[in-house]
PDB file of all heavy atoms in Angstrom:
ATOM      1  N   GLU A   1     -10.141  -1.842  14.971  1.00  0.00           N
ATOM      2  CA  GLU A   1      -9.692  -0.714  14.285  1.00  0.00           C
ATOM      3  C   GLU A   1     -10.102  -0.724  12.805  1.00  0.00           C
ATOM      4  O   GLU A   1     -10.120  -1.625  12.193  1.00  0.00           O
ATOM      5  CB  GLU A   1      -8.074  -0.647  14.251  1.00  0.00           C
ATOM      6  CG  GLU A   1      -7.529  -0.666  15.682  1.00  0.00           C
ATOM      7  CD  GLU A   1      -7.474   0.688  16.392  1.00  0.00           C
ATOM      8  OE1 GLU A   1      -7.675   1.714  15.732  1.00  0.00           O
ATOM      9  OE2 GLU A   1      -7.574   0.645  17.584  1.00  0.00           O
ATOM     10  N   GLN A   2     -10.453   0.605  12.313  1.00  0.00           N
ATOM     11  CA  GLN A   2     -10.658   0.842  10.886  1.00  0.00           C
ATOM     12  C   GLN A   2      -9.521   1.522  10.300  1.00  0.00           C
ATOM     13  O   GLN A   2      -8.858   2.271  10.975  1.00  0.00           O
ATOM     14  CB  GLN A   2     -11.930   1.556  10.796  1.00  0.00           C
ATOM     15  CG  GLN A   2     -13.206   0.989  11.250  1.00  0.00           C
ATOM     16  CD  GLN A   2     -14.464   1.726  10.966  1.00  0.00           C
ATOM     17  OE1 GLN A   2     -14.390   2.779  10.393  1.00  0.00           O
ATOM     18  NE2 GLN A   2     -15.571   1.384  11.336  1.00  0.00           N
ATOM     19  N   PHE A   3      -9.240   1.170   9.151  1.00  0.00           N
ATOM     20  CA  PHE A   3      -8.005   1.690   8.421  1.00  0.00           C
ATOM     21  C   PHE A   3      -8.420   2.393   7.160  1.00  0.00           C
ATOM     22  O   PHE A   3      -9.122   1.890   6.333  1.00  0.00           O
ATOM     23  CB  PHE A   3      -7.009   0.507   8.069  1.00  0.00           C
ATOM     24  CG  PHE A   3      -6.520  -0.181   9.259  1.00  0.00           C
ATOM     25  CD1 PHE A   3      -7.019  -1.311   9.785  1.00  0.00           C
ATOM     26  CD2 PHE A   3      -5.360   0.312   9.815  1.00  0.00           C
ATOM     27  CE1 PHE A   3      -6.539  -1.929  10.875  1.00  0.00           C
ATOM     28  CE2 PHE A   3      -4.760  -0.332  10.946  1.00  0.00           C
ATOM     29  CZ  PHE A   3      -5.476  -1.507  11.502  1.00  0.00           C
ATOM     30  N   LYS A   4      -7.866   3.505   7.014  1.00  0.00           N
ATOM     31  CA  LYS A   4      -8.029   4.372   5.803  1.00  0.00           C
ATOM     32  C   LYS A   4      -6.668   4.568   5.162  1.00  0.00           C
ATOM     33  O   LYS A   4      -5.874   5.187   5.835  1.00  0.00           O
ATOM     34  CB  LYS A   4      -8.721   5.764   6.079  1.00  0.00           C
ATOM     35  CG  LYS A   4      -8.810   6.483   4.856  1.00  0.00           C
ATOM     36  CD  LYS A   4      -9.401   7.934   5.134  1.00  0.00           C
ATOM     37  CE  LYS A   4      -9.439   8.706   3.815  1.00  0.00           C
ATOM     38  NZ  LYS A   4      -9.833  10.048   4.043  1.00  0.00           N
ATOM     39  N   ILE A   5      -6.478   4.102   3.927  1.00  0.00           N
ATOM     40  CA  ILE A   5      -5.227   4.290   3.237  1.00  0.00           C
ATOM     41  C   ILE A   5      -5.354   5.154   2.124  1.00  0.00           C
ATOM     42  O   ILE A   5      -6.204   5.110   1.291  1.00  0.00           O
ATOM     43  CB  ILE A   5      -4.669   2.891   2.743  1.00  0.00           C
ATOM     44  CG1 ILE A   5      -4.505   1.798   3.955  1.00  0.00           C
ATOM     45  CG2 ILE A   5      -3.395   3.062   1.981  1.00  0.00           C
ATOM     46  CD1 ILE A   5      -3.999   0.489   3.473  1.00  0.00           C
ATOM     47  N   THR A   6      -4.445   6.180   2.083  1.00  0.00           N
ATOM     48  CA  THR A   6      -4.358   7.067   0.868  1.00  0.00           C
ATOM     49  C   THR A   6      -2.908   6.847   0.425  1.00  0.00           C
ATOM     50  O   THR A   6      -2.069   6.364   0.995  1.00  0.00           O
ATOM     51  CB  THR A   6      -4.484   8.496   1.328  1.00  0.00           C
ATOM     52  OG1 THR A   6      -3.554   8.886   2.274  1.00  0.00           O
ATOM     53  CG2 THR A   6      -6.014   8.784   1.904  1.00  0.00           C
ATOM     54  N   SER A   7      -2.770   7.274  -0.911  1.00  0.00           N
ATOM     55  CA  SER A   7      -1.347   7.173  -1.434  1.00  0.00           C
ATOM     56  C   SER A   7      -1.136   8.396  -2.287  1.00  0.00           C
ATOM     57  O   SER A   7      -1.958   8.968  -2.854  1.00  0.00           O
ATOM     58  CB  SER A   7      -1.343   5.938  -2.215  1.00  0.00           C
ATOM     59  OG  SER A   7      -2.263   5.952  -3.302  1.00  0.00           O
ATOM     60  N   SER A   8       0.217   8.688  -2.230  1.00  0.00           N
ATOM     61  CA  SER A   8       0.708   9.867  -3.014  1.00  0.00           C
ATOM     62  C   SER A   8       0.799   9.471  -4.577  1.00  0.00           C
ATOM     63  O   SER A   8       0.826   8.357  -4.974  1.00  0.00           O
ATOM     64  CB  SER A   8       2.002  10.252  -2.433  1.00  0.00           C
ATOM     65  OG  SER A   8       3.034   9.335  -2.792  1.00  0.00           O
ATOM     66  N   TYR A   9       0.961  10.592  -5.364  1.00  0.00           N
ATOM     67  CA  TYR A   9       1.166  10.333  -6.728  1.00  0.00           C
ATOM     68  C   TYR A   9       2.462   9.619  -6.965  1.00  0.00           C
ATOM     69  O   TYR A   9       2.503   8.658  -7.901  1.00  0.00           O
ATOM     70  CB  TYR A   9       1.351  11.790  -7.474  1.00  0.00           C
ATOM     71  CG  TYR A   9       1.630  11.706  -8.878  1.00  0.00           C
ATOM     72  CD1 TYR A   9       0.616  11.385  -9.809  1.00  0.00           C
ATOM     73  CD2 TYR A   9       2.866  11.873  -9.346  1.00  0.00           C
ATOM     74  CE1 TYR A   9       0.857  11.308 -11.074  1.00  0.00           C
ATOM     75  CE2 TYR A   9       3.157  11.770 -10.665  1.00  0.00           C
ATOM     76  CZ  TYR A   9       2.270  11.527 -11.620  1.00  0.00           C
ATOM     77  OH  TYR A   9       2.484  11.389 -12.978  1.00  0.00           O
ATOM     78  N   LYS A  10       3.578   9.894  -6.272  1.00  0.00           N
ATOM     79  CA  LYS A  10       4.754   9.180  -6.293  1.00  0.00           C
ATOM     80  C   LYS A  10       4.662   7.723  -6.036  1.00  0.00           C
ATOM     81  O   LYS A  10       5.193   6.850  -6.738  1.00  0.00           O
ATOM     82  CB  LYS A  10       5.821   9.923  -5.399  1.00  0.00           C
ATOM     83  CG  LYS A  10       7.121   9.295  -5.336  1.00  0.00           C
ATOM     84  CD  LYS A  10       8.132   9.939  -4.427  1.00  0.00           C
ATOM     85  CE  LYS A  10       9.416   9.202  -4.359  1.00  0.00           C
ATOM     86  NZ  LYS A  10      10.246   9.834  -3.339  1.00  0.00           N
ATOM     87  N   PHE A  11       3.846   7.364  -5.003  1.00  0.00           N
ATOM     88  CA  PHE A  11       3.568   6.040  -4.669  1.00  0.00           C
ATOM     89  C   PHE A  11       2.874   5.255  -5.793  1.00  0.00           C
ATOM     90  O   PHE A  11       3.289   4.219  -6.243  1.00  0.00           O
ATOM     91  CB  PHE A  11       2.714   5.956  -3.393  1.00  0.00           C
ATOM     92  CG  PHE A  11       2.604   4.552  -2.817  1.00  0.00           C
ATOM     93  CD1 PHE A  11       3.560   4.115  -1.925  1.00  0.00           C
ATOM     94  CD2 PHE A  11       1.513   3.746  -3.176  1.00  0.00           C
ATOM     95  CE1 PHE A  11       3.347   2.808  -1.395  1.00  0.00           C
ATOM     96  CE2 PHE A  11       1.467   2.535  -2.558  1.00  0.00           C
ATOM     97  CZ  PHE A  11       2.304   1.999  -1.753  1.00  0.00           C
ATOM     98  N   GLU A  12       1.883   5.897  -6.448  1.00  0.00           N
ATOM     99  CA  GLU A  12       1.133   5.330  -7.491  1.00  0.00           C
ATOM    100  C   GLU A  12       2.070   5.066  -8.665  1.00  0.00           C
ATOM    101  O   GLU A  12       1.925   4.066  -9.426  1.00  0.00           O
ATOM    102  CB  GLU A  12      -0.052   6.200  -7.887  1.00  0.00           C
ATOM    103  CG  GLU A  12      -1.197   6.231  -6.772  1.00  0.00           C
ATOM    104  CD  GLU A  12      -1.772   4.908  -6.552  1.00  0.00           C
ATOM    105  OE1 GLU A  12      -2.103   4.233  -7.530  1.00  0.00           O
ATOM    106  OE2 GLU A  12      -2.116   4.650  -5.392  1.00  0.00           O
ATOM    107  N   GLU A  13       2.862   5.999  -8.976  1.00  0.00           N
ATOM    108  CA  GLU A  13       3.810   6.042 -10.101  1.00  0.00           C
ATOM    109  C   GLU A  13       4.780   4.772  -9.834  1.00  0.00           C
ATOM    110  O   GLU A  13       5.228   4.138 -10.825  1.00  0.00           O
ATOM    111  CB  GLU A  13       4.581   7.299 -10.366  1.00  0.00           C
ATOM    112  CG  GLU A  13       3.608   8.349 -10.938  1.00  0.00           C
ATOM    113  CD  GLU A  13       3.048   8.005 -12.223  1.00  0.00           C
ATOM    114  OE1 GLU A  13       3.826   7.665 -13.206  1.00  0.00           O
ATOM    115  OE2 GLU A  13       1.859   7.990 -12.444  1.00  0.00           O
ATOM    116  N   SER A  14       5.194   4.656  -8.598  1.00  0.00           N
ATOM    117  CA  SER A  14       6.187   3.554  -8.326  1.00  0.00           C
ATOM    118  C   SER A  14       5.447   2.221  -8.490  1.00  0.00           C
ATOM    119  O   SER A  14       6.112   1.170  -8.907  1.00  0.00           O
ATOM    120  CB  SER A  14       6.681   3.772  -6.932  1.00  0.00           C
ATOM    121  OG  SER A  14       7.572   4.829  -6.775  1.00  0.00           O
ATOM    122  N   LEU A  15       4.253   2.158  -7.935  1.00  0.00           N
ATOM    123  CA  LEU A  15       3.448   0.826  -8.258  1.00  0.00           C
ATOM    124  C   LEU A  15       3.552   0.460  -9.747  1.00  0.00           C
ATOM    125  O   LEU A  15       3.725  -0.734 -10.083  1.00  0.00           O
ATOM    126  CB  LEU A  15       2.052   0.946  -7.804  1.00  0.00           C
ATOM    127  CG  LEU A  15       1.711   0.826  -6.316  1.00  0.00           C
ATOM    128  CD1 LEU A  15       0.239   1.165  -6.105  1.00  0.00           C
ATOM    129  CD2 LEU A  15       2.070  -0.573  -5.821  1.00  0.00           C
ATOM    130  N   LYS A  16       3.238   1.483 -10.649  1.00  0.00           N
ATOM    131  CA  LYS A  16       3.286   1.083 -12.091  1.00  0.00           C
ATOM    132  C   LYS A  16       4.714   0.824 -12.505  1.00  0.00           C
ATOM    133  O   LYS A  16       4.917  -0.136 -13.321  1.00  0.00           O
ATOM    134  CB  LYS A  16       2.827   2.294 -12.852  1.00  0.00           C
ATOM    135  CG  LYS A  16       1.298   2.598 -12.628  1.00  0.00           C
ATOM    136  CD  LYS A  16       0.944   3.943 -13.272  1.00  0.00           C
ATOM    137  CE  LYS A  16      -0.509   4.351 -12.811  1.00  0.00           C
ATOM    138  NZ  LYS A  16      -0.865   5.641 -13.455  1.00  0.00           N
ATOM    139  N   LYS A  17       5.643   1.587 -12.136  1.00  0.00           N
ATOM    140  CA  LYS A  17       7.078   1.501 -12.596  1.00  0.00           C
ATOM    141  C   LYS A  17       7.583   0.065 -12.239  1.00  0.00           C
ATOM    142  O   LYS A  17       8.251  -0.617 -13.084  1.00  0.00           O
ATOM    143  CB  LYS A  17       8.003   2.646 -11.893  1.00  0.00           C
ATOM    144  CG  LYS A  17       9.437   2.412 -12.146  1.00  0.00           C
ATOM    145  CD  LYS A  17      10.178   3.519 -11.449  1.00  0.00           C
ATOM    146  CE  LYS A  17      11.712   3.277 -11.505  1.00  0.00           C
ATOM    147  NZ  LYS A  17      12.421   4.164 -10.728  1.00  0.00           N
ATOM    148  N   PHE A  18       7.364  -0.370 -10.996  1.00  0.00           N
ATOM    149  CA  PHE A  18       7.824  -1.655 -10.565  1.00  0.00           C
ATOM    150  C   PHE A  18       6.881  -2.827 -10.883  1.00  0.00           C
ATOM    151  O   PHE A  18       7.156  -4.000 -10.507  1.00  0.00           O
ATOM    152  CB  PHE A  18       8.182  -1.650  -9.008  1.00  0.00           C
ATOM    153  CG  PHE A  18       9.247  -0.596  -8.645  1.00  0.00           C
ATOM    154  CD1 PHE A  18       9.002   0.294  -7.586  1.00  0.00           C
ATOM    155  CD2 PHE A  18      10.429  -0.577  -9.233  1.00  0.00           C
ATOM    156  CE1 PHE A  18       9.878   1.205  -7.240  1.00  0.00           C
ATOM    157  CE2 PHE A  18      11.440   0.316  -8.973  1.00  0.00           C
ATOM    158  CZ  PHE A  18      11.171   1.270  -7.931  1.00  0.00           C
ATOM    159  N   LYS A  19       5.654  -2.536 -11.317  1.00  0.00           N
ATOM    160  CA  LYS A  19       4.636  -3.457 -11.816  1.00  0.00           C
ATOM    161  C   LYS A  19       4.239  -4.319 -10.627  1.00  0.00           C
ATOM    162  O   LYS A  19       4.299  -5.595 -10.664  1.00  0.00           O
ATOM    163  CB  LYS A  19       5.225  -4.399 -12.911  1.00  0.00           C
ATOM    164  CG  LYS A  19       5.374  -3.497 -14.145  1.00  0.00           C
ATOM    165  CD  LYS A  19       6.034  -4.376 -15.199  1.00  0.00           C
ATOM    166  CE  LYS A  19       6.295  -3.501 -16.486  1.00  0.00           C
ATOM    167  NZ  LYS A  19       7.103  -4.061 -17.433  1.00  0.00           N
ATOM    168  N   LEU A  20       4.031  -3.635  -9.430  1.00  0.00           N
ATOM    169  CA  LEU A  20       3.588  -4.369  -8.270  1.00  0.00           C
ATOM    170  C   LEU A  20       2.031  -4.475  -8.141  1.00  0.00           C
ATOM    171  O   LEU A  20       1.344  -3.704  -8.689  1.00  0.00           O
ATOM    172  CB  LEU A  20       4.061  -3.576  -7.001  1.00  0.00           C
ATOM    173  CG  LEU A  20       5.618  -3.413  -6.941  1.00  0.00           C
ATOM    174  CD1 LEU A  20       6.032  -2.535  -5.699  1.00  0.00           C
ATOM    175  CD2 LEU A  20       6.330  -4.725  -6.890  1.00  0.00           C
ATOM    176  N   ASP A  21       1.664  -5.555  -7.507  1.00  0.00           N
ATOM    177  CA  ASP A  21       0.183  -5.761  -7.288  1.00  0.00           C
ATOM    178  C   ASP A  21      -0.324  -4.898  -6.231  1.00  0.00           C
ATOM    179  O   ASP A  21       0.107  -5.067  -5.077  1.00  0.00           O
ATOM    180  CB  ASP A  21       0.066  -7.240  -6.863  1.00  0.00           C
ATOM    181  CG  ASP A  21      -1.344  -7.717  -6.760  1.00  0.00           C
ATOM    182  OD1 ASP A  21      -2.168  -6.976  -6.047  1.00  0.00           O
ATOM    183  OD2 ASP A  21      -1.703  -8.736  -7.323  1.00  0.00           O
ATOM    184  N   ARG A  22      -1.257  -3.986  -6.524  1.00  0.00           N
ATOM    185  CA  ARG A  22      -1.750  -2.904  -5.621  1.00  0.00           C
ATOM    186  C   ARG A  22      -2.343  -3.657  -4.386  1.00  0.00           C
ATOM    187  O   ARG A  22      -2.132  -3.201  -3.244  1.00  0.00           O
ATOM    188  CB  ARG A  22      -2.807  -2.162  -6.325  1.00  0.00           C
ATOM    189  CG  ARG A  22      -3.468  -1.097  -5.458  1.00  0.00           C
ATOM    190  CD  ARG A  22      -4.416  -0.308  -6.194  1.00  0.00           C
ATOM    191  NE  ARG A  22      -4.049   0.192  -7.406  1.00  0.00           N
ATOM    192  CZ  ARG A  22      -3.241   1.329  -7.581  1.00  0.00           C
ATOM    193  NH1 ARG A  22      -2.885   1.990  -6.504  1.00  0.00           N
ATOM    194  NH2 ARG A  22      -2.921   1.661  -8.807  1.00  0.00           N
ATOM    195  N   GLU A  23      -3.047  -4.690  -4.516  1.00  0.00           N
ATOM    196  CA  GLU A  23      -3.802  -5.352  -3.418  1.00  0.00           C
ATOM    197  C   GLU A  23      -2.813  -6.001  -2.441  1.00  0.00           C
ATOM    198  O   GLU A  23      -2.877  -5.962  -1.195  1.00  0.00           O
ATOM    199  CB  GLU A  23      -4.925  -6.287  -3.827  1.00  0.00           C
ATOM    200  CG  GLU A  23      -5.767  -6.797  -2.734  1.00  0.00           C
ATOM    201  CD  GLU A  23      -6.450  -5.741  -1.945  1.00  0.00           C
ATOM    202  OE1 GLU A  23      -6.713  -4.661  -2.487  1.00  0.00           O
ATOM    203  OE2 GLU A  23      -6.672  -6.031  -0.762  1.00  0.00           O
ATOM    204  N   LYS A  24      -1.809  -6.645  -2.992  1.00  0.00           N
ATOM    205  CA  LYS A  24      -0.756  -7.208  -2.097  1.00  0.00           C
ATOM    206  C   LYS A  24       0.006  -6.220  -1.449  1.00  0.00           C
ATOM    207  O   LYS A  24       0.360  -6.457  -0.211  1.00  0.00           O
ATOM    208  CB  LYS A  24       0.172  -8.055  -3.054  1.00  0.00           C
ATOM    209  CG  LYS A  24      -0.392  -9.409  -3.551  1.00  0.00           C
ATOM    210  CD  LYS A  24       0.598 -10.191  -4.357  1.00  0.00           C
ATOM    211  CE  LYS A  24      -0.010 -11.308  -5.025  1.00  0.00           C
ATOM    212  NZ  LYS A  24       0.953 -12.069  -5.864  1.00  0.00           N
ATOM    213  N   VAL A  25       0.342  -5.100  -2.010  1.00  0.00           N
ATOM    214  CA  VAL A  25       1.073  -4.069  -1.448  1.00  0.00           C
ATOM    215  C   VAL A  25       0.170  -3.494  -0.191  1.00  0.00           C
ATOM    216  O   VAL A  25       0.673  -3.334   0.857  1.00  0.00           O
ATOM    217  CB  VAL A  25       1.349  -2.942  -2.363  1.00  0.00           C
ATOM    218  CG1 VAL A  25       1.830  -1.649  -1.647  1.00  0.00           C
ATOM    219  CG2 VAL A  25       2.496  -3.461  -3.279  1.00  0.00           C
ATOM    220  N   ARG A  26      -1.021  -3.310  -0.548  1.00  0.00           N
ATOM    221  CA  ARG A  26      -2.114  -2.791   0.427  1.00  0.00           C
ATOM    222  C   ARG A  26      -2.060  -3.740   1.660  1.00  0.00           C
ATOM    223  O   ARG A  26      -2.127  -3.238   2.754  1.00  0.00           O
ATOM    224  CB  ARG A  26      -3.452  -2.539  -0.151  1.00  0.00           C
ATOM    225  CG  ARG A  26      -4.436  -2.042   0.800  1.00  0.00           C
ATOM    226  CD  ARG A  26      -5.768  -1.903  -0.094  1.00  0.00           C
ATOM    227  NE  ARG A  26      -6.767  -1.474   0.789  1.00  0.00           N
ATOM    228  CZ  ARG A  26      -7.483  -2.184   1.682  1.00  0.00           C
ATOM    229  NH1 ARG A  26      -7.292  -3.411   1.767  1.00  0.00           N
ATOM    230  NH2 ARG A  26      -8.405  -1.641   2.414  1.00  0.00           N
ATOM    231  N   GLN A  27      -2.243  -4.956   1.342  1.00  0.00           N
ATOM    232  CA  GLN A  27      -2.293  -5.983   2.444  1.00  0.00           C
ATOM    233  C   GLN A  27      -1.014  -6.017   3.330  1.00  0.00           C
ATOM    234  O   GLN A  27      -1.056  -6.166   4.536  1.00  0.00           O
ATOM    235  CB  GLN A  27      -2.608  -7.395   1.900  1.00  0.00           C
ATOM    236  CG  GLN A  27      -4.093  -7.476   1.418  1.00  0.00           C
ATOM    237  CD  GLN A  27      -5.073  -7.155   2.501  1.00  0.00           C
ATOM    238  OE1 GLN A  27      -4.994  -7.570   3.628  1.00  0.00           O
ATOM    239  NE2 GLN A  27      -6.060  -6.435   2.017  1.00  0.00           N
ATOM    240  N   ASN A  28       0.052  -5.856   2.695  1.00  0.00           N
ATOM    241  CA  ASN A  28       1.348  -5.909   3.338  1.00  0.00           C
ATOM    242  C   ASN A  28       1.483  -4.664   4.281  1.00  0.00           C
ATOM    243  O   ASN A  28       1.877  -4.816   5.484  1.00  0.00           O
ATOM    244  CB  ASN A  28       2.532  -5.754   2.403  1.00  0.00           C
ATOM    245  CG  ASN A  28       3.857  -5.685   3.008  1.00  0.00           C
ATOM    246  OD1 ASN A  28       4.277  -4.633   3.341  1.00  0.00           O
ATOM    247  ND2 ASN A  28       4.561  -6.800   3.123  1.00  0.00           N
ATOM    248  N   ILE A  29       0.981  -3.489   3.808  1.00  0.00           N
ATOM    249  CA  ILE A  29       0.909  -2.295   4.681  1.00  0.00           C
ATOM    250  C   ILE A  29       0.100  -2.496   5.942  1.00  0.00           C
ATOM    251  O   ILE A  29       0.469  -2.178   7.097  1.00  0.00           O
ATOM    252  CB  ILE A  29       0.662  -1.088   3.897  1.00  0.00           C
ATOM    253  CG1 ILE A  29       1.815  -0.744   2.839  1.00  0.00           C
ATOM    254  CG2 ILE A  29       0.413   0.112   4.838  1.00  0.00           C
ATOM    255  CD1 ILE A  29       1.481   0.371   1.888  1.00  0.00           C
ATOM    256  N   LEU A  30      -1.063  -2.960   5.629  1.00  0.00           N
ATOM    257  CA  LEU A  30      -2.047  -3.144   6.734  1.00  0.00           C
ATOM    258  C   LEU A  30      -1.589  -4.203   7.743  1.00  0.00           C
ATOM    259  O   LEU A  30      -1.632  -3.867   8.968  1.00  0.00           O
ATOM    260  CB  LEU A  30      -3.400  -3.634   6.152  1.00  0.00           C
ATOM    261  CG  LEU A  30      -4.375  -2.647   5.365  1.00  0.00           C
ATOM    262  CD1 LEU A  30      -5.484  -3.364   4.796  1.00  0.00           C
ATOM    263  CD2 LEU A  30      -4.784  -1.554   6.358  1.00  0.00           C
ATOM    264  N   LYS A  31      -0.970  -5.254   7.269  1.00  0.00           N
ATOM    265  CA  LYS A  31      -0.437  -6.258   8.209  1.00  0.00           C
ATOM    266  C   LYS A  31       0.660  -5.693   9.016  1.00  0.00           C
ATOM    267  O   LYS A  31       0.688  -5.905  10.258  1.00  0.00           O
ATOM    268  CB  LYS A  31       0.071  -7.460   7.411  1.00  0.00           C
ATOM    269  CG  LYS A  31       0.547  -8.663   8.205  1.00  0.00           C
ATOM    270  CD  LYS A  31       1.030  -9.716   7.362  1.00  0.00           C
ATOM    271  CE  LYS A  31       1.522 -10.925   8.274  1.00  0.00           C
ATOM    272  NZ  LYS A  31       2.007 -11.996   7.390  1.00  0.00           N
ATOM    273  N   HIS A  32       1.517  -4.878   8.346  1.00  0.00           N
ATOM    274  CA  HIS A  32       2.678  -4.249   9.146  1.00  0.00           C
ATOM    275  C   HIS A  32       2.136  -3.334  10.151  1.00  0.00           C
ATOM    276  O   HIS A  32       2.543  -3.330  11.384  1.00  0.00           O
ATOM    277  CB  HIS A  32       3.563  -3.546   8.137  1.00  0.00           C
ATOM    278  CG  HIS A  32       4.695  -2.867   8.796  1.00  0.00           C
ATOM    279  ND1 HIS A  32       5.805  -3.531   9.247  1.00  0.00           N
ATOM    280  CD2 HIS A  32       4.981  -1.589   9.113  1.00  0.00           C
ATOM    281  CE1 HIS A  32       6.687  -2.741   9.794  1.00  0.00           C
ATOM    282  NE2 HIS A  32       6.134  -1.497   9.721  1.00  0.00           N
ATOM    283  N   ILE A  33       1.158  -2.501   9.821  1.00  0.00           N
ATOM    284  CA  ILE A  33       0.673  -1.436  10.793  1.00  0.00           C
ATOM    285  C   ILE A  33      -0.116  -2.127  11.870  1.00  0.00           C
ATOM    286  O   ILE A  33       0.004  -1.726  13.083  1.00  0.00           O
ATOM    287  CB  ILE A  33      -0.382  -0.417  10.083  1.00  0.00           C
ATOM    288  CG1 ILE A  33       0.411   0.370   8.941  1.00  0.00           C
ATOM    289  CG2 ILE A  33      -0.985   0.540  11.097  1.00  0.00           C
ATOM    290  CD1 ILE A  33       1.705   1.204   9.562  1.00  0.00           C
ATOM    291  N   GLU A  34      -0.867  -3.152  11.600  1.00  0.00           N
ATOM    292  CA  GLU A  34      -1.628  -3.870  12.620  1.00  0.00           C
ATOM    293  C   GLU A  34      -0.604  -4.541  13.703  1.00  0.00           C
ATOM    294  O   GLU A  34      -0.984  -4.516  14.877  1.00  0.00           O
ATOM    295  CB  GLU A  34      -2.496  -5.026  11.896  1.00  0.00           C
ATOM    296  CG  GLU A  34      -3.756  -4.515  11.297  1.00  0.00           C
ATOM    297  CD  GLU A  34      -4.472  -5.612  10.675  1.00  0.00           C
ATOM    298  OE1 GLU A  34      -3.939  -6.567  10.251  1.00  0.00           O
ATOM    299  OE2 GLU A  34      -5.765  -5.348  10.465  1.00  0.00           O
ATOM    300  N   SER A  35       0.445  -4.848  13.125  1.00  0.00           N
ATOM    301  CA  SER A  35       1.465  -5.589  14.173  1.00  0.00           C
ATOM    302  C   SER A  35       2.146  -4.525  15.088  1.00  0.00           C
ATOM    303  O   SER A  35       2.654  -4.840  16.095  1.00  0.00           O
ATOM    304  CB  SER A  35       2.595  -6.279  13.371  1.00  0.00           C
ATOM    305  OG  SER A  35       3.446  -5.457  12.711  1.00  0.00           O
ATOM    306  N   LYS A  36       1.990  -3.158  14.674  1.00  0.00           N
ATOM    307  CA  LYS A  36       2.626  -2.179  15.458  1.00  0.00           C
ATOM    308  C   LYS A  36       1.647  -1.249  16.118  1.00  0.00           C
ATOM    309  O   LYS A  36       2.006  -0.346  16.736  1.00  0.00           O
ATOM    310  CB  LYS A  36       3.409  -1.232  14.424  1.00  0.00           C
ATOM    311  CG  LYS A  36       4.433  -1.906  13.734  1.00  0.00           C
ATOM    312  CD  LYS A  36       5.569  -2.374  14.485  1.00  0.00           C
ATOM    313  CE  LYS A  36       6.684  -3.021  13.579  1.00  0.00           C
ATOM    314  NZ  LYS A  36       7.739  -3.515  14.379  1.00  0.00           N
TER     315      LYS A  36
END
């Protein structure tokens, strides 16, 4: 499977607000989707 991830403005703002690592968040989402 190939994965294409897009994100909303709200999502991007939350990444900044909570000071989260974008790549770790991306990998978490990919791992979760792959398991489902």
